[in-house]
Amino acid sequence: MPAASSEPLGPNAATAEPSPTGQRQAPQGTRAVSRRGIAIIGVAVAAGVVVLGLVLGGVIPLIHSSGSGTTPGPEAESVAVASGASIIGGIPGGPWNLTWAGAMVNTFDSGQSAASLFGTPSCPLRNSSVRTIDYPAYNGRYYQGDAPAWVLLYNSSASHGGELIVYAANGTAGEVGVLSGSASTCGFEPYNPSLPKGVIDSPRAATVATETTAGRAFVSEFTHANATYTLSFEKNDYGVIVNDIPVWNILFNICSHGTMTSFQSEVYALNGTVDSSGTAFETC
């Protein structure tokens, strides 16, 4: 992967939009969207889930599946979280607190073994009832914040380093498993905060992002595209959490006529205001 950069996207990039005034603890000034930032969207707080983050960011491709079975309907993150809440009370190791949510909207069927994504010999999954993380193809309105499936990450109030992974789709949820290795073998972040109550859900975040100049331009040009939605905390260019401000990272991308067009926006999840947005272009 390229070295981290805080430089703008280049001469073809849209100008990042400024942070609004009055944002709670918002960083001063504006931040242009970097190529590194696009690549690491979705990087989460456990080593196994970092792999998911790279998948969500398009760095590691998922397996293309045959598309067999029933395709779940798209749903908002708030629906997925409600489904997750219905099962986490019965999973040992809690109380469990949501710390990360992520989803992909792809124009193709894709999937990956849960064990290969999250489990390693030194950091195995316990109590897994979900064997495959599946993202069915969706060619609908990718920009509305709904997704066919979500992955949810929870921390434990009872034990430092406890990480529960839940897969939610079509109004139901299942336990991908609990990462059962130590913090050192699983690569947990030393600081893994819980998301506060009152954050906006994915459709609201998507609406805010697509109302930016760059967002409107992307959606008006591309009827079909891939999308990534992640709810977490502000991170630096290496994907490391730097403060307690919850944010939505939204990425749309499409390869068309040899050019990958990528739109990214970061939206503050407590008040629904834009921190940054921009568009990048590269060969695909």
Protein backbone atom coordinates (compact mmCIF):
# COMPACT_ATOMS: atom_id res chain seq x y z
CA MET A 1 0.00 0.00 0.00
CA PRO A 2 1.25 3.52 -0.68
CA ALA A 3 2.73 5.63 2.05
CA ALA A 4 0.32 7.75 4.04
CA SER A 5 -0.33 11.18 2.67
CA SER A 6 -2.26 14.22 3.81
CA GLU A 7 -1.99 15.87 0.40
CA PRO A 8 -5.09 16.66 -1.67
CA LEU A 9 -6.24 14.18 -4.25
CA GLY A 10 -4.58 15.97 -7.13
CA PRO A 11 -5.56 18.30 -9.94
CA ASN A 12 -8.67 16.26 -10.82
CA ALA A 13 -10.00 16.19 -7.28
CA ALA A 14 -12.88 18.22 -5.96
CA THR A 15 -12.10 20.71 -3.24
CA ALA A 16 -12.83 19.39 0.24
CA GLU A 17 -15.74 21.17 1.85
CA PRO A 18 -15.14 22.98 5.14
CA SER A 19 -16.31 21.83 8.54
CA PRO A 20 -19.32 23.83 9.75
CA THR A 21 -18.95 26.11 12.72
CA GLY A 22 -20.13 24.96 16.08
CA GLN A 23 -19.21 21.29 15.62
CA ARG A 24 -18.62 19.64 19.01
CA GLN A 25 -14.86 19.20 19.41
CA ALA A 26 -14.39 19.38 15.67
CA PRO A 27 -10.78 19.70 14.49
CA GLN A 28 -9.81 23.17 13.35
CA GLY A 29 -9.66 23.88 9.65
CA THR A 30 -10.49 21.55 6.77
CA ARG A 31 -9.00 18.30 5.58
CA ALA A 32 -8.68 17.29 1.96
CA VAL A 33 -9.49 13.67 1.23
CA SER A 34 -6.32 11.63 0.59
CA ARG A 35 -5.91 8.51 -1.54
CA ARG A 36 -4.70 6.80 1.62
CA GLY A 37 -7.95 7.87 3.30
CA ILE A 38 -9.99 6.21 0.58
CA ALA A 39 -7.92 3.02 0.78
CA ILE A 40 -8.37 2.56 4.51
CA ILE A 41 -12.08 3.32 4.85
CA GLY A 42 -13.54 0.72 7.16
CA VAL A 43 -10.37 -0.15 9.05
CA ALA A 44 -11.66 -1.26 12.43
CA VAL A 45 -10.15 -1.95 15.82
CA ALA A 46 -9.14 -5.59 15.81
CA ALA A 47 -6.51 -7.16 13.60
CA GLY A 48 -8.99 -9.56 12.06
CA VAL A 49 -11.42 -6.78 11.33
CA VAL A 50 -8.66 -4.70 9.77
CA VAL A 51 -8.87 -7.27 6.98
CA LEU A 52 -12.57 -6.49 6.64
CA GLY A 53 -11.67 -2.83 6.50
CA LEU A 54 -9.29 -3.46 3.63
CA VAL A 55 -11.99 -5.44 1.87
CA LEU A 56 -14.50 -2.65 2.42
CA GLY A 57 -11.98 -0.17 1.07
CA GLY A 58 -11.42 -2.26 -2.05
CA VAL A 59 -7.81 -3.18 -1.23
CA ILE A 60 -8.58 -6.90 -0.91
CA PRO A 61 -11.23 -8.17 -3.35
CA LEU A 62 -13.99 -10.44 -2.13
CA ILE A 63 -14.83 -13.74 -3.79
CA HIS A 64 -17.41 -13.39 -6.54
CA SER A 65 -20.23 -15.77 -5.73
CA SER A 66 -22.81 -17.43 -7.94
CA GLY A 67 -25.61 -15.39 -6.42
CA SER A 68 -27.56 -18.47 -5.38
CA GLY A 69 -30.14 -18.25 -2.61
CA THR A 70 -32.48 -15.47 -1.55
CA THR A 71 -31.11 -11.97 -1.93
CA PRO A 72 -31.74 -9.97 1.25
CA GLY A 73 -33.37 -6.61 0.85
CA PRO A 74 -31.32 -3.51 1.64
CA GLU A 75 -31.69 -2.03 5.12
CA ALA A 76 -30.41 0.90 7.14
CA GLU A 77 -27.69 0.57 9.75
CA SER A 78 -30.26 1.32 12.46
CA VAL A 79 -32.27 -1.74 11.39
CA ALA A 80 -29.13 -3.90 11.45
CA VAL A 81 -28.21 -2.62 14.91
CA ALA A 82 -31.73 -3.40 16.17
CA SER A 83 -31.34 -6.95 14.84
CA GLY A 84 -27.97 -7.24 16.54
CA ALA A 85 -29.42 -5.99 19.82
CA SER A 86 -31.90 -8.86 19.76
CA ILE A 87 -29.13 -11.48 20.03
CA ILE A 88 -26.18 -9.94 21.87
CA GLY A 89 -27.80 -10.25 25.30
CA GLY A 90 -27.50 -14.01 25.10
CA ILE A 91 -23.85 -14.08 24.02
CA PRO A 92 -21.37 -14.72 26.88
CA GLY A 93 -18.67 -12.16 27.58
CA GLY A 94 -20.80 -9.00 27.59
CA PRO A 95 -22.39 -6.62 28.20
CA TRP A 96 -21.64 -5.78 24.56
CA ASN A 97 -21.40 -2.22 23.25
CA LEU A 98 -21.47 -1.24 19.58
CA THR A 99 -18.20 0.28 18.46
CA TRP A 100 -18.24 -0.06 14.66
CA ALA A 101 -20.69 -0.75 11.81
CA GLY A 102 -19.86 -1.31 8.17
CA ALA A 103 -21.53 -2.36 4.94
CA MET A 104 -20.84 -2.68 1.25
CA VAL A 105 -23.24 -2.13 -1.61
CA ASN A 106 -21.82 -3.96 -4.63
CA THR A 107 -23.09 -4.37 -8.17
CA PHE A 108 -21.90 -8.01 -7.97
CA ASP A 109 -22.43 -10.90 -5.55
CA SER A 110 -19.51 -11.37 -3.18
CA GLY A 111 -18.68 -13.35 -0.09
CA GLN A 112 -15.89 -14.60 2.11
CA SER A 113 -15.40 -17.22 4.77
CA ALA A 114 -15.85 -15.68 8.22
CA ALA A 115 -12.93 -17.72 9.53
CA SER A 116 -10.55 -16.47 6.86
CA LEU A 117 -11.60 -12.87 7.39
CA PHE A 118 -11.52 -12.78 11.15
CA GLY A 119 -9.92 -15.87 12.61
CA THR A 120 -6.23 -16.75 12.75
CA PRO A 121 -4.49 -19.60 14.62
CA SER A 122 -3.48 -17.17 17.36
CA CYS A 123 -6.80 -15.30 17.35
CA PRO A 124 -9.59 -17.82 16.67
CA LEU A 125 -13.33 -17.18 16.58
CA ARG A 126 -15.46 -18.67 19.36
CA ASN A 127 -19.14 -19.63 19.11
CA SER A 128 -19.49 -18.77 15.45
CA SER A 129 -22.89 -19.47 13.90
CA VAL A 130 -22.22 -17.51 10.68
CA ARG A 131 -19.82 -19.26 8.35
CA THR A 132 -19.86 -16.83 5.42
CA ILE A 133 -19.95 -13.07 5.21
CA ASP A 134 -22.13 -12.56 2.13
CA TYR A 135 -22.82 -9.34 0.26
CA PRO A 136 -25.50 -9.95 -2.37
CA ALA A 137 -25.46 -7.87 -5.54
CA TYR A 138 -27.54 -4.71 -5.42
CA ASN A 139 -28.17 -2.45 -8.39
CA GLY A 140 -30.59 -0.10 -6.71
CA ARG A 141 -30.03 3.32 -5.22
CA TYR A 142 -26.59 2.80 -3.71
CA TYR A 143 -26.47 6.39 -2.47
CA GLN A 144 -29.41 6.17 -0.04
CA GLY A 145 -27.56 4.55 2.87
CA ASP A 146 -29.25 1.14 2.77
CA ALA A 147 -27.23 -2.06 2.25
CA PRO A 148 -28.06 -5.75 1.75
CA ALA A 149 -25.90 -6.72 4.74
CA TRP A 150 -23.99 -5.17 7.66
CA VAL A 151 -21.11 -6.27 9.86
CA LEU A 152 -21.27 -4.97 13.44
CA LEU A 153 -18.43 -4.92 15.96
CA TYR A 154 -18.99 -4.78 19.73
CA ASN A 155 -16.61 -4.32 22.64
CA SER A 156 -17.15 -5.83 26.09
CA SER A 157 -17.88 -3.93 29.28
CA ALA A 158 -16.69 -6.95 31.25
CA SER A 159 -13.29 -7.61 29.69
CA HIS A 160 -10.75 -5.38 28.00
CA GLY A 161 -10.09 -6.60 24.47
CA GLY A 162 -13.27 -8.62 24.05
CA GLU A 163 -14.50 -8.29 20.46
CA LEU A 164 -17.84 -9.64 19.22
CA ILE A 165 -18.64 -9.67 15.50
CA VAL A 166 -22.25 -9.86 14.26
CA TYR A 167 -23.58 -10.19 10.72
CA ALA A 168 -26.99 -8.62 10.05
CA ALA A 169 -29.12 -8.90 6.92
CA ASN A 170 -32.78 -8.96 5.94
CA GLY A 171 -34.02 -8.07 9.42
CA THR A 172 -32.09 -10.82 11.20
CA ALA A 173 -28.65 -11.17 12.80
CA GLY A 174 -26.20 -13.95 13.56
CA GLU A 175 -23.01 -14.30 15.59
CA VAL A 176 -19.89 -14.39 13.46
CA GLY A 177 -18.02 -15.04 16.69
CA VAL A 178 -15.91 -13.63 19.49
CA LEU A 179 -12.23 -13.11 18.83
CA SER A 180 -10.76 -15.17 21.63
CA GLY A 181 -7.04 -14.40 21.51
CA SER A 182 -5.18 -11.92 23.67
CA ALA A 183 -4.92 -8.25 22.79
CA SER A 184 -1.35 -8.79 21.62
CA THR A 185 -2.11 -11.79 19.39
CA CYS A 186 -5.32 -10.31 17.98
CA GLY A 187 -3.83 -6.84 17.56
CA PHE A 188 -6.59 -4.99 19.39
CA GLU A 189 -6.40 -1.24 19.58
CA PRO A 190 -5.52 -0.16 23.13
CA TYR A 191 -8.49 2.20 23.00
CA ASN A 192 -11.77 0.90 21.63
CA PRO A 193 -14.59 3.30 22.58
CA SER A 194 -18.30 2.59 22.46
CA LEU A 195 -20.46 4.53 20.05
CA PRO A 196 -22.73 7.00 21.89
CA LYS A 197 -26.49 7.03 21.60
CA GLY A 198 -28.09 9.59 19.32
CA VAL A 199 -25.93 9.13 16.22
CA ILE A 200 -27.63 9.62 12.87
CA ASP A 201 -28.31 6.49 10.87
CA SER A 202 -26.90 5.57 7.48
CA PRO A 203 -29.71 7.01 5.30
CA ARG A 204 -29.37 10.40 6.99
CA ALA A 205 -25.57 10.32 6.63
CA ALA A 206 -25.89 9.35 2.97
CA THR A 207 -28.31 12.22 2.35
CA VAL A 208 -25.89 14.70 3.91
CA ALA A 209 -23.00 13.36 1.82
CA THR A 210 -24.91 13.40 -1.46
CA GLU A 211 -26.06 16.97 -0.85
CA THR A 212 -22.44 18.16 -1.11
CA THR A 213 -21.25 19.51 -4.46
CA ALA A 214 -19.07 16.47 -5.11
CA GLY A 215 -21.80 14.09 -3.96
CA ARG A 216 -24.44 15.58 -6.22
CA ALA A 217 -22.07 15.42 -9.18
CA PHE A 218 -21.22 11.74 -8.60
CA VAL A 219 -24.82 10.60 -8.12
CA SER A 220 -26.06 12.55 -11.15
CA GLU A 221 -23.37 10.95 -13.34
CA PHE A 222 -23.56 7.34 -12.13
CA THR A 223 -26.89 5.53 -11.81
CA HIS A 224 -25.15 2.35 -10.61
CA ALA A 225 -22.01 2.24 -8.46
CA ASN A 226 -20.45 0.51 -5.46
CA ALA A 227 -20.77 2.04 -2.00
CA THR A 228 -19.21 1.59 1.41
CA TYR A 229 -20.71 2.88 4.66
CA THR A 230 -18.80 2.77 7.95
CA LEU A 231 -19.68 4.24 11.33
CA SER A 232 -16.76 4.57 13.70
CA PHE A 233 -14.58 7.32 15.18
CA GLU A 234 -12.22 9.87 13.70
CA LYS A 235 -8.97 8.22 12.63
CA ASN A 236 -5.63 9.33 11.30
CA ASP A 237 -4.27 8.33 7.89
CA TYR A 238 -3.21 4.95 9.29
CA GLY A 239 -6.72 4.06 10.45
CA VAL A 240 -5.94 4.56 14.15
CA ILE A 241 -8.66 6.16 16.29
CA VAL A 242 -7.58 9.62 17.43
CA ASN A 243 -10.59 10.86 19.43
CA ASP A 244 -14.12 10.14 20.60
CA ILE A 245 -15.93 11.94 17.77
CA PRO A 246 -18.19 9.46 15.94
CA VAL A 247 -18.20 9.83 12.16
CA TRP A 248 -19.70 8.26 9.09
CA ASN A 249 -17.28 7.52 6.26
CA ILE A 250 -19.04 7.16 2.93
CA LEU A 251 -17.38 5.97 -0.27
CA PHE A 252 -18.89 5.61 -3.75
CA ASN A 253 -16.78 4.25 -6.59
CA ILE A 254 -17.16 2.97 -10.11
CA CYS A 255 -14.78 1.86 -12.86
CA SER A 256 -15.97 3.27 -16.16
CA HIS A 257 -14.06 3.52 -19.45
CA GLY A 258 -10.76 2.75 -17.72
CA THR A 259 -11.14 5.38 -14.99
CA MET A 260 -11.98 4.70 -11.35
CA THR A 261 -14.04 7.58 -9.98
CA SER A 262 -14.23 7.62 -6.18
CA PHE A 263 -16.28 9.96 -4.04
CA GLN A 264 -15.60 10.07 -0.31
CA SER A 265 -17.25 12.07 2.45
CA GLU A 266 -16.89 12.16 6.22
CA VAL A 267 -20.01 13.21 8.14
CA TYR A 268 -20.16 13.90 11.86
CA ALA A 269 -22.55 11.34 13.30
CA LEU A 270 -23.83 13.39 16.24
CA ASN A 271 -25.05 16.44 14.35
CA GLY A 272 -25.11 15.37 10.70
CA THR A 273 -22.70 17.99 9.36
CA VAL A 274 -19.97 17.50 6.76
CA ASP A 275 -16.32 17.39 7.74
CA SER A 276 -14.93 16.73 4.27
CA SER A 277 -15.90 15.51 0.83
CA GLY A 278 -14.15 15.12 -2.50
CA THR A 279 -13.69 13.06 -5.63
CA ALA A 280 -10.61 11.23 -6.93
CA PHE A 281 -9.80 9.72 -10.31
CA GLU A 282 -7.33 6.97 -11.20
CA THR A 283 -6.80 4.31 -13.82
CA CYS A 284 -8.63 1.02 -13.33
